[in-house]
Structures are given as C-alpha cells and as structure tokens.
Amino acid sequence: KALLGEEIEKRQTYYKFTWNGKEEARAYARVPSMGTLRP
C-alpha cells in the first residue's frame, strides 16, 4: 500500500458494482477446476 501511494482507494463510500454473494463468487472463482472440456 505504501508503494502504491495515492492509487489506493481509502474512502468507505464510492461507486462500485456489487451484489449479495459477490465475495463468495470471487472465492469460488479462485478454486481451481478439475473438469474436462468436451465440445
């Protein structure tokens, strides 16, 4: 954060795209998938 200086968002209120369950969706997106692609 110190290295990034002024580029860190410090305000508590600002516009952002959010919804209920967003953090859970982000966590699920980080879990590696073991599936197989079949056309």
PDB file of all heavy atoms in Angstrom:
ATOM      1  N   LYS A   1       0.835  -1.211   0.000  1.00  0.00           N
ATOM      2  CA  LYS A   1       0.000   0.000   0.000  1.00  0.00           C
ATOM      3  C   LYS A   1       0.863   1.251   0.000  1.00  0.00           C
ATOM      4  O   LYS A   1       0.572   2.210  -0.710  1.00  0.00           O
ATOM      5  CB  LYS A   1      -0.934   0.006   1.216  1.00  0.00           C
ATOM      6  CG  LYS A   1      -2.088  -0.952   1.076  1.00  0.00           C
ATOM      7  CD  LYS A   1      -3.204  -0.801   2.084  1.00  0.00           C
ATOM      8  CE  LYS A   1      -2.810  -0.544   3.483  1.00  0.00           C
ATOM      9  NZ  LYS A   1      -3.925  -0.582   4.445  1.00  0.00           N
ATOM     10  N   ALA A   2       1.949   1.254   0.768  1.00  0.00           N
ATOM     11  CA  ALA A   2       2.841   2.419   0.798  1.00  0.00           C
ATOM     12  C   ALA A   2       3.502   2.631  -0.569  1.00  0.00           C
ATOM     13  O   ALA A   2       3.651   3.770  -1.023  1.00  0.00           O
ATOM     14  CB  ALA A   2       3.900   2.243   1.885  1.00  0.00           C
ATOM     15  N   LEU A   3       3.870   1.541  -1.231  1.00  0.00           N
ATOM     16  CA  LEU A   3       4.491   1.645  -2.550  1.00  0.00           C
ATOM     17  C   LEU A   3       3.516   2.183  -3.603  1.00  0.00           C
ATOM     18  O   LEU A   3       3.915   2.874  -4.536  1.00  0.00           O
ATOM     19  CB  LEU A   3       5.018   0.282  -2.998  1.00  0.00           C
ATOM     20  CG  LEU A   3       6.212  -0.258  -2.223  1.00  0.00           C
ATOM     21  CD1 LEU A   3       6.475  -1.705  -2.596  1.00  0.00           C
ATOM     22  CD2 LEU A   3       7.445   0.603  -2.479  1.00  0.00           C
ATOM     23  N   LEU A   4       2.248   1.869  -3.450  1.00  0.00           N
ATOM     24  CA  LEU A   4       1.244   2.318  -4.415  1.00  0.00           C
ATOM     25  C   LEU A   4       0.780   3.748  -4.152  1.00  0.00           C
ATOM     26  O   LEU A   4       0.152   4.366  -5.009  1.00  0.00           O
ATOM     27  CB  LEU A   4       0.050   1.357  -4.421  1.00  0.00           C
ATOM     28  CG  LEU A   4       0.364  -0.045  -4.934  1.00  0.00           C
ATOM     29  CD1 LEU A   4      -0.830  -0.958  -4.752  1.00  0.00           C
ATOM     30  CD2 LEU A   4       0.803  -0.015  -6.382  1.00  0.00           C
ATOM     31  N   GLY A   5       1.083   4.267  -2.989  1.00  0.00           N
ATOM     32  CA  GLY A   5       0.804   5.671  -2.670  1.00  0.00           C
ATOM     33  C   GLY A   5      -0.646   6.069  -2.823  1.00  0.00           C
ATOM     34  O   GLY A   5      -1.536   5.466  -2.246  1.00  0.00           O
ATOM     35  N   GLU A   6      -0.881   7.082  -3.619  1.00  0.00           N
ATOM     36  CA  GLU A   6      -2.213   7.662  -3.779  1.00  0.00           C
ATOM     37  C   GLU A   6      -3.161   6.804  -4.613  1.00  0.00           C
ATOM     38  O   GLU A   6      -4.315   7.155  -4.780  1.00  0.00           O
ATOM     39  CB  GLU A   6      -2.103   9.061  -4.398  1.00  0.00           C
ATOM     40  CG  GLU A   6      -1.353  10.051  -3.532  1.00  0.00           C
ATOM     41  CD  GLU A   6      -2.048  10.275  -2.181  1.00  0.00           C
ATOM     42  OE1 GLU A   6      -3.282  10.439  -2.166  1.00  0.00           O
ATOM     43  OE2 GLU A   6      -1.339  10.260  -1.159  1.00  0.00           O
ATOM     44  N   GLU A   7      -2.687   5.703  -5.161  1.00  0.00           N
ATOM     45  CA  GLU A   7      -3.536   4.864  -6.005  1.00  0.00           C
ATOM     46  C   GLU A   7      -4.408   3.893  -5.214  1.00  0.00           C
ATOM     47  O   GLU A   7      -5.116   3.091  -5.793  1.00  0.00           O
ATOM     48  CB  GLU A   7      -2.675   4.080  -7.009  1.00  0.00           C
ATOM     49  CG  GLU A   7      -1.929   4.962  -7.986  1.00  0.00           C
ATOM     50  CD  GLU A   7      -2.865   5.835  -8.825  1.00  0.00           C
ATOM     51  OE1 GLU A   7      -3.883   5.317  -9.318  1.00  0.00           O
ATOM     52  OE2 GLU A   7      -2.568   7.030  -8.970  1.00  0.00           O
ATOM     53  N   ILE A   8      -4.360   3.976  -3.886  1.00  0.00           N
ATOM     54  CA  ILE A   8      -5.171   3.120  -3.032  1.00  0.00           C
ATOM     55  C   ILE A   8      -6.467   3.839  -2.699  1.00  0.00           C
ATOM     56  O   ILE A   8      -6.454   4.992  -2.270  1.00  0.00           O
ATOM     57  CB  ILE A   8      -4.425   2.773  -1.715  1.00  0.00           C
ATOM     58  CG1 ILE A   8      -3.119   2.048  -2.014  1.00  0.00           C
ATOM     59  CG2 ILE A   8      -5.298   1.970  -0.771  1.00  0.00           C
ATOM     60  CD1 ILE A   8      -3.293   0.653  -2.534  1.00  0.00           C
ATOM     61  N   GLU A   9      -7.608   3.150  -2.865  1.00  0.00           N
ATOM     62  CA  GLU A   9      -8.908   3.719  -2.516  1.00  0.00           C
ATOM     63  C   GLU A   9      -9.077   3.644  -1.003  1.00  0.00           C
ATOM     64  O   GLU A   9      -9.050   2.568  -0.427  1.00  0.00           O
ATOM     65  CB  GLU A   9     -10.036   2.950  -3.216  1.00  0.00           C
ATOM     66  CG  GLU A   9     -11.413   3.486  -2.936  1.00  0.00           C
ATOM     67  CD  GLU A   9     -11.589   4.930  -3.377  1.00  0.00           C
ATOM     68  OE1 GLU A   9     -11.548   5.195  -4.581  1.00  0.00           O
ATOM     69  OE2 GLU A   9     -11.744   5.788  -2.492  1.00  0.00           O
ATOM     70  N   LYS A  10      -9.221   4.787  -0.363  1.00  0.00           N
ATOM     71  CA  LYS A  10      -9.313   4.829   1.097  1.00  0.00           C
ATOM     72  C   LYS A  10     -10.712   5.171   1.585  1.00  0.00           C
ATOM     73  O   LYS A  10     -11.024   4.961   2.746  1.00  0.00           O
ATOM     74  CB  LYS A  10      -8.318   5.857   1.646  1.00  0.00           C
ATOM     75  CG  LYS A  10      -6.877   5.469   1.374  1.00  0.00           C
ATOM     76  CD  LYS A  10      -5.918   6.527   1.843  1.00  0.00           C
ATOM     77  CE  LYS A  10      -4.501   6.138   1.454  1.00  0.00           C
ATOM     78  NZ  LYS A  10      -3.546   7.193   1.663  1.00  0.00           N
ATOM     79  N   ARG A  11     -11.557   5.711   0.695  1.00  0.00           N
ATOM     80  CA  ARG A  11     -12.902   6.089   1.122  1.00  0.00           C
ATOM     81  C   ARG A  11     -13.728   4.849   1.420  1.00  0.00           C
ATOM     82  O   ARG A  11     -13.534   3.802   0.827  1.00  0.00           O
ATOM     83  CB  ARG A  11     -13.604   6.900   0.021  1.00  0.00           C
ATOM     84  CG  ARG A  11     -12.908   8.194  -0.317  1.00  0.00           C
ATOM     85  CD  ARG A  11     -13.569   8.864  -1.490  1.00  0.00           C
ATOM     86  NE  ARG A  11     -13.331   8.021  -2.680  1.00  0.00           N
ATOM     87  CZ  ARG A  11     -14.014   8.088  -3.799  1.00  0.00           C
ATOM     88  NH1 ARG A  11     -14.994   8.945  -3.924  1.00  0.00           N
ATOM     89  NH2 ARG A  11     -13.738   7.301  -4.814  1.00  0.00           N
ATOM     90  N   GLN A  12     -14.669   4.991   2.312  1.00  0.00           N
ATOM     91  CA  GLN A  12     -15.569   3.887   2.637  1.00  0.00           C
ATOM     92  C   GLN A  12     -16.765   3.842   1.687  1.00  0.00           C
ATOM     93  O   GLN A  12     -17.368   2.799   1.501  1.00  0.00           O
ATOM     94  CB  GLN A  12     -16.053   4.015   4.086  1.00  0.00           C
ATOM     95  CG  GLN A  12     -14.944   3.821   5.103  1.00  0.00           C
ATOM     96  CD  GLN A  12     -14.365   2.425   5.035  1.00  0.00           C
ATOM     97  OE1 GLN A  12     -15.096   1.448   4.948  1.00  0.00           O
ATOM     98  NE2 GLN A  12     -13.043   2.320   5.053  1.00  0.00           N
ATOM     99  N   THR A  13     -17.136   4.986   1.124  1.00  0.00           N
ATOM    100  CA  THR A  13     -18.265   5.034   0.210  1.00  0.00           C
ATOM    101  C   THR A  13     -17.805   5.507  -1.156  1.00  0.00           C
ATOM    102  O   THR A  13     -17.151   6.533  -1.288  1.00  0.00           O
ATOM    103  CB  THR A  13     -19.375   5.975   0.735  1.00  0.00           C
ATOM    104  OG1 THR A  13     -18.825   7.267   0.925  1.00  0.00           O
ATOM    105  CG2 THR A  13     -19.937   5.460   2.044  1.00  0.00           C
ATOM    106  N   TYR A  14     -18.114   4.720  -2.154  1.00  0.00           N
ATOM    107  CA  TYR A  14     -17.799   5.053  -3.537  1.00  0.00           C
ATOM    108  C   TYR A  14     -18.628   4.129  -4.422  1.00  0.00           C
ATOM    109  O   TYR A  14     -19.202   3.145  -3.962  1.00  0.00           O
ATOM    110  CB  TYR A  14     -16.305   4.919  -3.841  1.00  0.00           C
ATOM    111  CG  TYR A  14     -15.680   3.619  -3.395  1.00  0.00           C
ATOM    112  CD1 TYR A  14     -15.660   2.516  -4.225  1.00  0.00           C
ATOM    113  CD2 TYR A  14     -15.098   3.505  -2.138  1.00  0.00           C
ATOM    114  CE1 TYR A  14     -15.092   1.329  -3.822  1.00  0.00           C
ATOM    115  CE2 TYR A  14     -14.526   2.318  -1.727  1.00  0.00           C
ATOM    116  CZ  TYR A  14     -14.528   1.239  -2.574  1.00  0.00           C
ATOM    117  OH  TYR A  14     -13.969   0.068  -2.171  1.00  0.00           O
ATOM    118  N   TYR A  15     -18.710   4.456  -5.681  1.00  0.00           N
ATOM    119  CA  TYR A  15     -19.488   3.649  -6.615  1.00  0.00           C
ATOM    120  C   TYR A  15     -18.718   2.390  -6.990  1.00  0.00           C
ATOM    121  O   TYR A  15     -17.534   2.441  -7.308  1.00  0.00           O
ATOM    122  CB  TYR A  15     -19.790   4.450  -7.892  1.00  0.00           C
ATOM    123  CG  TYR A  15     -20.708   5.601  -7.642  1.00  0.00           C
ATOM    124  CD1 TYR A  15     -20.224   6.897  -7.639  1.00  0.00           C
ATOM    125  CD2 TYR A  15     -22.059   5.398  -7.414  1.00  0.00           C
ATOM    126  CE1 TYR A  15     -21.057   7.975  -7.410  1.00  0.00           C
ATOM    127  CE2 TYR A  15     -22.909   6.462  -7.180  1.00  0.00           C
ATOM    128  CZ  TYR A  15     -22.409   7.745  -7.189  1.00  0.00           C
ATOM    129  OH  TYR A  15     -23.238   8.787  -6.961  1.00  0.00           O
ATOM    130  N   LYS A  16     -19.412   1.279  -6.939  1.00  0.00           N
ATOM    131  CA  LYS A  16     -18.815   0.023  -7.380  1.00  0.00           C
ATOM    132  C   LYS A  16     -19.937  -0.954  -7.723  1.00  0.00           C
ATOM    133  O   LYS A  16     -21.057  -0.826  -7.252  1.00  0.00           O
ATOM    134  CB  LYS A  16     -17.875  -0.573  -6.344  1.00  0.00           C
ATOM    135  CG  LYS A  16     -18.524  -0.974  -5.034  1.00  0.00           C
ATOM    136  CD  LYS A  16     -17.479  -1.520  -4.086  1.00  0.00           C
ATOM    137  CE  LYS A  16     -18.099  -1.881  -2.754  1.00  0.00           C
ATOM    138  NZ  LYS A  16     -17.129  -2.453  -1.854  1.00  0.00           N
ATOM    139  N   PHE A  17     -19.609  -1.904  -8.563  1.00  0.00           N
ATOM    140  CA  PHE A  17     -20.561  -2.915  -8.980  1.00  0.00           C
ATOM    141  C   PHE A  17     -20.527  -4.031  -7.944  1.00  0.00           C
ATOM    142  O   PHE A  17     -19.521  -4.712  -7.771  1.00  0.00           O
ATOM    143  CB  PHE A  17     -20.171  -3.433 -10.364  1.00  0.00           C
ATOM    144  CG  PHE A  17     -21.169  -4.394 -10.945  1.00  0.00           C
ATOM    145  CD1 PHE A  17     -22.479  -4.021 -11.148  1.00  0.00           C
ATOM    146  CD2 PHE A  17     -20.782  -5.668 -11.310  1.00  0.00           C
ATOM    147  CE1 PHE A  17     -23.404  -4.896 -11.696  1.00  0.00           C
ATOM    148  CE2 PHE A  17     -21.683  -6.557 -11.858  1.00  0.00           C
ATOM    149  CZ  PHE A  17     -22.996  -6.171 -12.050  1.00  0.00           C
ATOM    150  N   THR A  18     -21.632  -4.208  -7.235  1.00  0.00           N
ATOM    151  CA  THR A  18     -21.651  -5.206  -6.176  1.00  0.00           C
ATOM    152  C   THR A  18     -23.013  -5.875  -6.083  1.00  0.00           C
ATOM    153  O   THR A  18     -23.996  -5.364  -6.622  1.00  0.00           O
ATOM    154  CB  THR A  18     -21.238  -4.586  -4.828  1.00  0.00           C
ATOM    155  OG1 THR A  18     -21.052  -5.629  -3.881  1.00  0.00           O
ATOM    156  CG2 THR A  18     -22.268  -3.593  -4.325  1.00  0.00           C
ATOM    157  N   TRP A  19     -23.069  -6.997  -5.419  1.00  0.00           N
ATOM    158  CA  TRP A  19     -24.313  -7.715  -5.199  1.00  0.00           C
ATOM    159  C   TRP A  19     -24.116  -8.648  -4.020  1.00  0.00           C
ATOM    160  O   TRP A  19     -22.988  -8.929  -3.605  1.00  0.00           O
ATOM    161  CB  TRP A  19     -24.723  -8.498  -6.455  1.00  0.00           C
ATOM    162  CG  TRP A  19     -23.742  -9.574  -6.837  1.00  0.00           C
ATOM    163  CD1 TRP A  19     -23.733 -10.869  -6.421  1.00  0.00           C
ATOM    164  CD2 TRP A  19     -22.602  -9.425  -7.697  1.00  0.00           C
ATOM    165  NE1 TRP A  19     -22.673 -11.528  -6.975  1.00  0.00           N
ATOM    166  CE2 TRP A  19     -21.970 -10.676  -7.766  1.00  0.00           C
ATOM    167  CE3 TRP A  19     -22.079  -8.362  -8.427  1.00  0.00           C
ATOM    168  CZ2 TRP A  19     -20.831 -10.887  -8.524  1.00  0.00           C
ATOM    169  CZ3 TRP A  19     -20.948  -8.588  -9.185  1.00  0.00           C
ATOM    170  CH2 TRP A  19     -20.338  -9.839  -9.226  1.00  0.00           C
ATOM    171  N   ASN A  20     -25.233  -9.123  -3.474  1.00  0.00           N
ATOM    172  CA  ASN A  20     -25.188 -10.053  -2.356  1.00  0.00           C
ATOM    173  C   ASN A  20     -24.564 -11.361  -2.836  1.00  0.00           C
ATOM    174  O   ASN A  20     -24.992 -11.924  -3.831  1.00  0.00           O
ATOM    175  CB  ASN A  20     -26.607 -10.301  -1.824  1.00  0.00           C
ATOM    176  CG  ASN A  20     -26.592 -11.067  -0.521  1.00  0.00           C
ATOM    177  OD1 ASN A  20     -25.589 -11.081   0.182  1.00  0.00           O
ATOM    178  ND2 ASN A  20     -27.684 -11.722  -0.207  1.00  0.00           N
ATOM    179  N   GLY A  21     -23.535 -11.840  -2.161  1.00  0.00           N
ATOM    180  CA  GLY A  21     -22.851 -13.065  -2.530  1.00  0.00           C
ATOM    181  C   GLY A  21     -21.630 -12.850  -3.411  1.00  0.00           C
ATOM    182  O   GLY A  21     -21.021 -13.814  -3.875  1.00  0.00           O
ATOM    183  N   LYS A  22     -21.237 -11.590  -3.639  1.00  0.00           N
ATOM    184  CA  LYS A  22     -20.102 -11.310  -4.529  1.00  0.00           C
ATOM    185  C   LYS A  22     -18.803 -11.908  -3.995  1.00  0.00           C
ATOM    186  O   LYS A  22     -18.019 -12.480  -4.756  1.00  0.00           O
ATOM    187  CB  LYS A  22     -19.952  -9.802  -4.716  1.00  0.00           C
ATOM    188  CG  LYS A  22     -18.855  -9.418  -5.680  1.00  0.00           C
ATOM    189  CD  LYS A  22     -18.818  -7.928  -5.915  1.00  0.00           C
ATOM    190  CE  LYS A  22     -17.740  -7.526  -6.892  1.00  0.00           C
ATOM    191  NZ  LYS A  22     -17.735  -6.087  -7.143  1.00  0.00           N
ATOM    192  N   GLU A  23     -18.559 -11.792  -2.701  1.00  0.00           N
ATOM    193  CA  GLU A  23     -17.313 -12.332  -2.135  1.00  0.00           C
ATOM    194  C   GLU A  23     -17.264 -13.855  -2.251  1.00  0.00           C
ATOM    195  O   GLU A  23     -16.210 -14.422  -2.528  1.00  0.00           O
ATOM    196  CB  GLU A  23     -17.145 -11.895  -0.681  1.00  0.00           C
ATOM    197  CG  GLU A  23     -16.862 -10.415  -0.535  1.00  0.00           C
ATOM    198  CD  GLU A  23     -15.661  -9.945  -1.359  1.00  0.00           C
ATOM    199  OE1 GLU A  23     -14.599 -10.617  -1.331  1.00  0.00           O
ATOM    200  OE2 GLU A  23     -15.787  -8.924  -2.044  1.00  0.00           O
ATOM    201  N   GLU A  24     -18.420 -14.510  -2.057  1.00  0.00           N
ATOM    202  CA  GLU A  24     -18.464 -15.964  -2.213  1.00  0.00           C
ATOM    203  C   GLU A  24     -18.191 -16.348  -3.667  1.00  0.00           C
ATOM    204  O   GLU A  24     -17.509 -17.328  -3.944  1.00  0.00           O
ATOM    205  CB  GLU A  24     -19.825 -16.520  -1.773  1.00  0.00           C
ATOM    206  CG  GLU A  24     -20.074 -16.436  -0.282  1.00  0.00           C
ATOM    207  CD  GLU A  24     -20.596 -15.080   0.169  1.00  0.00           C
ATOM    208  OE1 GLU A  24     -20.875 -14.201  -0.686  1.00  0.00           O
ATOM    209  OE2 GLU A  24     -20.718 -14.880   1.380  1.00  0.00           O
ATOM    210  N   ALA A  25     -18.732 -15.559  -4.603  1.00  0.00           N
ATOM    211  CA  ALA A  25     -18.491 -15.826  -6.027  1.00  0.00           C
ATOM    212  C   ALA A  25     -17.015 -15.651  -6.363  1.00  0.00           C
ATOM    213  O   ALA A  25     -16.438 -16.451  -7.113  1.00  0.00           O
ATOM    214  CB  ALA A  25     -19.348 -14.895  -6.885  1.00  0.00           C
ATOM    215  N   ARG A  26     -16.382 -14.628  -5.815  1.00  0.00           N
ATOM    216  CA  ARG A  26     -14.942 -14.425  -6.053  1.00  0.00           C
ATOM    217  C   ARG A  26     -14.127 -15.582  -5.488  1.00  0.00           C
ATOM    218  O   ARG A  26     -13.179 -16.044  -6.108  1.00  0.00           O
ATOM    219  CB  ARG A  26     -14.475 -13.120  -5.415  1.00  0.00           C
ATOM    220  CG  ARG A  26     -14.786 -11.914  -6.221  1.00  0.00           C
ATOM    221  CD  ARG A  26     -14.169 -10.689  -5.582  1.00  0.00           C
ATOM    222  NE  ARG A  26     -14.279  -9.548  -6.460  1.00  0.00           N
ATOM    223  CZ  ARG A  26     -14.121  -8.314  -6.070  1.00  0.00           C
ATOM    224  NH1 ARG A  26     -13.844  -8.034  -4.811  1.00  0.00           N
ATOM    225  NH2 ARG A  26     -14.232  -7.324  -6.922  1.00  0.00           N
ATOM    226  N   ALA A  27     -14.503 -16.043  -4.290  1.00  0.00           N
ATOM    227  CA  ALA A  27     -13.790 -17.172  -3.679  1.00  0.00           C
ATOM    228  C   ALA A  27     -13.950 -18.423  -4.536  1.00  0.00           C
ATOM    229  O   ALA A  27     -12.986 -19.157  -4.767  1.00  0.00           O
ATOM    230  CB  ALA A  27     -14.299 -17.415  -2.265  1.00  0.00           C
ATOM    231  N   TYR A  28     -15.153 -18.669  -5.034  1.00  0.00           N
ATOM    232  CA  TYR A  28     -15.409 -19.841  -5.887  1.00  0.00           C
ATOM    233  C   TYR A  28     -14.624 -19.746  -7.194  1.00  0.00           C
ATOM    234  O   TYR A  28     -14.110 -20.740  -7.694  1.00  0.00           O
ATOM    235  CB  TYR A  28     -16.909 -19.958  -6.166  1.00  0.00           C
ATOM    236  CG  TYR A  28     -17.268 -21.108  -7.065  1.00  0.00           C
ATOM    237  CD1 TYR A  28     -17.074 -22.425  -6.652  1.00  0.00           C
ATOM    238  CD2 TYR A  28     -17.791 -20.889  -8.329  1.00  0.00           C
ATOM    239  CE1 TYR A  28     -17.392 -23.487  -7.479  1.00  0.00           C
ATOM    240  CE2 TYR A  28     -18.115 -21.944  -9.164  1.00  0.00           C
ATOM    241  CZ  TYR A  28     -17.917 -23.237  -8.730  1.00  0.00           C
ATOM    242  OH  TYR A  28     -18.227 -24.280  -9.554  1.00  0.00           O
ATOM    243  N   ALA A  29     -14.497 -18.547  -7.721  1.00  0.00           N
ATOM    244  CA  ALA A  29     -13.758 -18.351  -8.973  1.00  0.00           C
ATOM    245  C   ALA A  29     -12.276 -18.663  -8.804  1.00  0.00           C
ATOM    246  O   ALA A  29     -11.602 -19.039  -9.771  1.00  0.00           O
ATOM    247  CB  ALA A  29     -13.947 -16.923  -9.480  1.00  0.00           C
ATOM    248  N   ARG A  30     -11.751 -18.532  -7.587  1.00  0.00           N
ATOM    249  CA  ARG A  30     -10.327 -18.792  -7.339  1.00  0.00           C
ATOM    250  C   ARG A  30     -10.019 -20.269  -7.126  1.00  0.00           C
ATOM    251  O   ARG A  30      -8.865 -20.677  -7.152  1.00  0.00           O
ATOM    252  CB  ARG A  30      -9.854 -17.990  -6.127  1.00  0.00           C
ATOM    253  CG  ARG A  30      -9.767 -16.508  -6.373  1.00  0.00           C
ATOM    254  CD  ARG A  30      -9.112 -15.791  -5.216  1.00  0.00           C
ATOM    255  NE  ARG A  30      -9.825 -15.914  -3.978  1.00  0.00           N
ATOM    256  CZ  ARG A  30     -10.685 -15.024  -3.488  1.00  0.00           C
ATOM    257  NH1 ARG A  30     -10.938 -13.925  -4.155  1.00  0.00           N
ATOM    258  NH2 ARG A  30     -11.284 -15.217  -2.337  1.00  0.00           N
ATOM    259  N   VAL A  31     -11.051 -21.085  -6.904  1.00  0.00           N
ATOM    260  CA  VAL A  31     -10.834 -22.515  -6.685  1.00  0.00           C
ATOM    261  C   VAL A  31     -10.531 -23.173  -8.029  1.00  0.00           C
ATOM    262  O   VAL A  31     -11.327 -23.068  -8.959  1.00  0.00           O
ATOM    263  CB  VAL A  31     -12.094 -23.164  -6.055  1.00  0.00           C
ATOM    264  CG1 VAL A  31     -11.920 -24.678  -5.962  1.00  0.00           C
ATOM    265  CG2 VAL A  31     -12.383 -22.566  -4.693  1.00  0.00           C
ATOM    266  N   PRO A  32      -9.369 -23.826  -8.152  1.00  0.00           N
ATOM    267  CA  PRO A  32      -9.043 -24.475  -9.432  1.00  0.00           C
ATOM    268  C   PRO A  32     -10.083 -25.531  -9.802  1.00  0.00           C
ATOM    269  O   PRO A  32     -10.593 -26.247  -8.945  1.00  0.00           O
ATOM    270  CB  PRO A  32      -7.678 -25.123  -9.167  1.00  0.00           C
ATOM    271  CG  PRO A  32      -7.102 -24.345  -8.033  1.00  0.00           C
ATOM    272  CD  PRO A  32      -8.280 -23.936  -7.184  1.00  0.00           C
ATOM    273  N   SER A  33     -10.396 -25.627 -11.066  1.00  0.00           N
ATOM    274  CA  SER A  33     -11.377 -26.578 -11.566  1.00  0.00           C
ATOM    275  C   SER A  33     -10.671 -27.816 -12.091  1.00  0.00           C
ATOM    276  O   SER A  33      -9.611 -27.730 -12.688  1.00  0.00           O
ATOM    277  CB  SER A  33     -12.192 -25.930 -12.685  1.00  0.00           C
ATOM    278  OG  SER A  33     -13.122 -26.850 -13.183  1.00  0.00           O
ATOM    279  N   MET A  34     -11.283 -28.964 -11.894  1.00  0.00           N
ATOM    280  CA  MET A  34     -10.703 -30.219 -12.355  1.00  0.00           C
ATOM    281  C   MET A  34     -11.539 -30.835 -13.478  1.00  0.00           C
ATOM    282  O   MET A  34     -11.396 -31.999 -13.793  1.00  0.00           O
ATOM    283  CB  MET A  34     -10.615 -31.210 -11.185  1.00  0.00           C
ATOM    284  CG  MET A  34      -9.706 -30.759 -10.061  1.00  0.00           C
ATOM    285  SD  MET A  34      -7.994 -30.653 -10.557  1.00  0.00           S
ATOM    286  CE  MET A  34      -7.610 -32.364 -10.753  1.00  0.00           C
ATOM    287  N   GLY A  35     -12.444 -30.069 -14.062  1.00  0.00           N
ATOM    288  CA  GLY A  35     -13.324 -30.575 -15.108  1.00  0.00           C
ATOM    289  C   GLY A  35     -12.596 -30.814 -16.413  1.00  0.00           C
ATOM    290  O   GLY A  35     -11.411 -30.553 -16.559  1.00  0.00           O
ATOM    291  N   THR A  36     -13.339 -31.315 -17.373  1.00  0.00           N
ATOM    292  CA  THR A  36     -12.820 -31.575 -18.711  1.00  0.00           C
ATOM    293  C   THR A  36     -13.717 -30.888 -19.719  1.00  0.00           C
ATOM    294  O   THR A  36     -14.939 -30.990 -19.621  1.00  0.00           O
ATOM    295  CB  THR A  36     -12.802 -33.093 -18.994  1.00  0.00           C
ATOM    296  OG1 THR A  36     -11.999 -33.727 -18.016  1.00  0.00           O
ATOM    297  CG2 THR A  36     -12.261 -33.381 -20.368  1.00  0.00           C
ATOM    298  N   LEU A  37     -13.128 -30.199 -20.675  1.00  0.00           N
ATOM    299  CA  LEU A  37     -13.895 -29.570 -21.743  1.00  0.00           C
ATOM    300  C   LEU A  37     -14.170 -30.604 -22.827  1.00  0.00           C
ATOM    301  O   LEU A  37     -13.253 -31.262 -23.305  1.00  0.00           O
ATOM    302  CB  LEU A  37     -13.120 -28.403 -22.355  1.00  0.00           C
ATOM    303  CG  LEU A  37     -12.991 -27.167 -21.507  1.00  0.00           C
ATOM    304  CD1 LEU A  37     -12.093 -26.153 -22.202  1.00  0.00           C
ATOM    305  CD2 LEU A  37     -14.355 -26.545 -21.257  1.00  0.00           C
ATOM    306  N   ARG A  38     -15.437 -30.732 -23.174  1.00  0.00           N
ATOM    307  CA  ARG A  38     -15.812 -31.600 -24.285  1.00  0.00           C
ATOM    308  C   ARG A  38     -16.730 -30.807 -25.193  1.00  0.00           C
ATOM    309  O   ARG A  38     -17.804 -30.398 -24.787  1.00  0.00           O
ATOM    310  CB  ARG A  38     -16.517 -32.852 -23.776  1.00  0.00           C
ATOM    311  CG  ARG A  38     -15.568 -33.803 -23.075  1.00  0.00           C
ATOM    312  CD  ARG A  38     -16.248 -35.056 -22.670  1.00  0.00           C
ATOM    313  NE  ARG A  38     -17.318 -34.720 -21.734  1.00  0.00           N
ATOM    314  CZ  ARG A  38     -18.277 -35.547 -21.377  1.00  0.00           C
ATOM    315  NH1 ARG A  38     -18.336 -36.748 -21.884  1.00  0.00           N
ATOM    316  NH2 ARG A  38     -19.198 -35.175 -20.519  1.00  0.00           N
ATOM    317  N   PRO A  39     -16.325 -30.579 -26.423  1.00  0.00           N
ATOM    318  CA  PRO A  39     -17.179 -29.831 -27.348  1.00  0.00           C
ATOM    319  C   PRO A  39     -18.492 -30.561 -27.603  1.00  0.00           C
ATOM    320  O   PRO A  39     -18.535 -31.793 -27.617  1.00  0.00           O
ATOM    321  CB  PRO A  39     -16.359 -29.760 -28.633  1.00  0.00           C
ATOM    322  CG  PRO A  39     -14.974 -30.084 -28.232  1.00  0.00           C
ATOM    323  CD  PRO A  39     -15.058 -30.946 -27.019  1.00  0.00           C
TER     324      PRO A  39
END
